[in-house]
């Protein structure tokens, strides 16, 4: 009998000789007491506040190692900037799972890609029965810093967040979304209105199937101890497949709409809820189905009405959107996207710690991510003609063709030139959010990915699709955050901040400050401790 040919992974690049970055995903100690940094160059005097960062900082508990990059215990960082000087501190998030893991010196709470170790204190029958219990959601909020009602929280994608004091980094309160509204979690990427009203998304799982929920949190407190009081579900969208909803990391928002992107990264709920029984992590229940279209759902923010028109495009994966705004009857949505959605399962700790040909293989089987623009016509009705491009915007190559009364098929425009291919695409996009979110804009910033993590900083100019790059060999910058200068007039009047890490030198991490306009370095503050590569951050201005 002939054996089946072995399936091989797609190869998207042919890169060789990538340097090992194991140190970027190595455990470190916290630094809870403020320490000084060594400043070279000049940190502008007008910057007053704290650059807050979040990400995994502990990858082993006792003799056991977490499987996935997302699983490491959350470590919170603060770079405090006053009068051109910078200090640093860090604290592990005092989550229940962190405390329990440390107390027992083993992994007690299951994470995205790691199943908790069986309790050796239980007898065989007790351990066997425990496999039939539903996995408890983790409160290891290691993804981002977010704000609700003026307070800072750290967040992941489960139903738990933690309120954090941005001055001390101390954990002050654990908050459960499900105590306020019927959701089983929320994204770590909410969107805020100028008045502080905040929108987010969360799933709910019911007897009728899975639903995607748009959430609204009011801008102010009614009592000092308030957290998510007053949160409401604006609308619920049923998943096309009741037991296999799409995974999503974020969503887009314009002035009048929330846009949910239903992508072909699917969650097999049966596999996930039986994970303890099968000894499989949540990540094992997530898979890519390229046979499915990606569908854009539009929701009116004020009314919660879901548009009957669904905008389809070919299968693609998107984790982070750049911006969205309305113009002349169109919704322009910019996002970082790729042709393949399997990357989430490739970011295992053992992959990030590989070297030589094995490391090259991991990188070459990851699809590159590039910035794209979709232009969705908002006024589609029975009278709208079929089979012709509805995009009358003369400055875009994106198309939108009505296939039926409730279906429009879209193609994208690349928001980059050929030069970006040399830098491995772009992720972790950021804009001048306070002034230009939901509005026409010109610039965005991100990391170039010639490795498994960002290795350059990039400024993209949408006028002409030009780009500026900051790079130094062997250095790996994190997500760039834009901070506007006082009395700024132009969109890029300000600085870009990033934490830069090297795996080849000991204790040589630094906070980098770039002039956002020229993308030239203004100064850096070197920290005499090691810091792992993290995810997202925010700037908390104090003056």
Foldseek 3Di string as FASTA:
>chain_A
DDDDDDDDFDFQDQDFDDFAQLLLQAAFDWFLDKDWWDKDFWDDQQFFFKWKFKAAHHQAQAPRGAWFRRPHAIKMKIWGDHRRTTIIGIDGAPFPQVVVSNVVSFRQAADQFADGDQDPVDDPVVSLVVLLAFHDYGQRQGFEWDDALRWIWRHAWFQWIFTADNVSRYTDDIGGNCVAPQFGGWARDWAADLLQWIWTWGWHQDPVAIKIWIKIADNHDPDPVDDRHPIDTLEIHAAPDRQKFADARGWADAPFKTKDKGAQFIFRNVCDRSCSVVVGGSLVRTDGDQVDWIWIWIAGPVRRDIALAIETEGHKDFHFWAAWADDPQKIKTKTKIWSTDPLNVLRTSVQSRDDGPSVSSSVRSDTFIAMKIKIGGRDQAPPDDFDDFPDPPPPAPKTWGDPHGRYIYIDIGGQADPVLVVQRHWDLKYFLRSPDHNHDDFKIKTFGPPHSAGAKIWIFGSVVRDIDIDGDPQKHWARWYWDARPPDDDRQHGWIWTWIAGSPDAQFIWIWIARSVVRHTRMIIGGRHHHHHGHYIDTDRDD
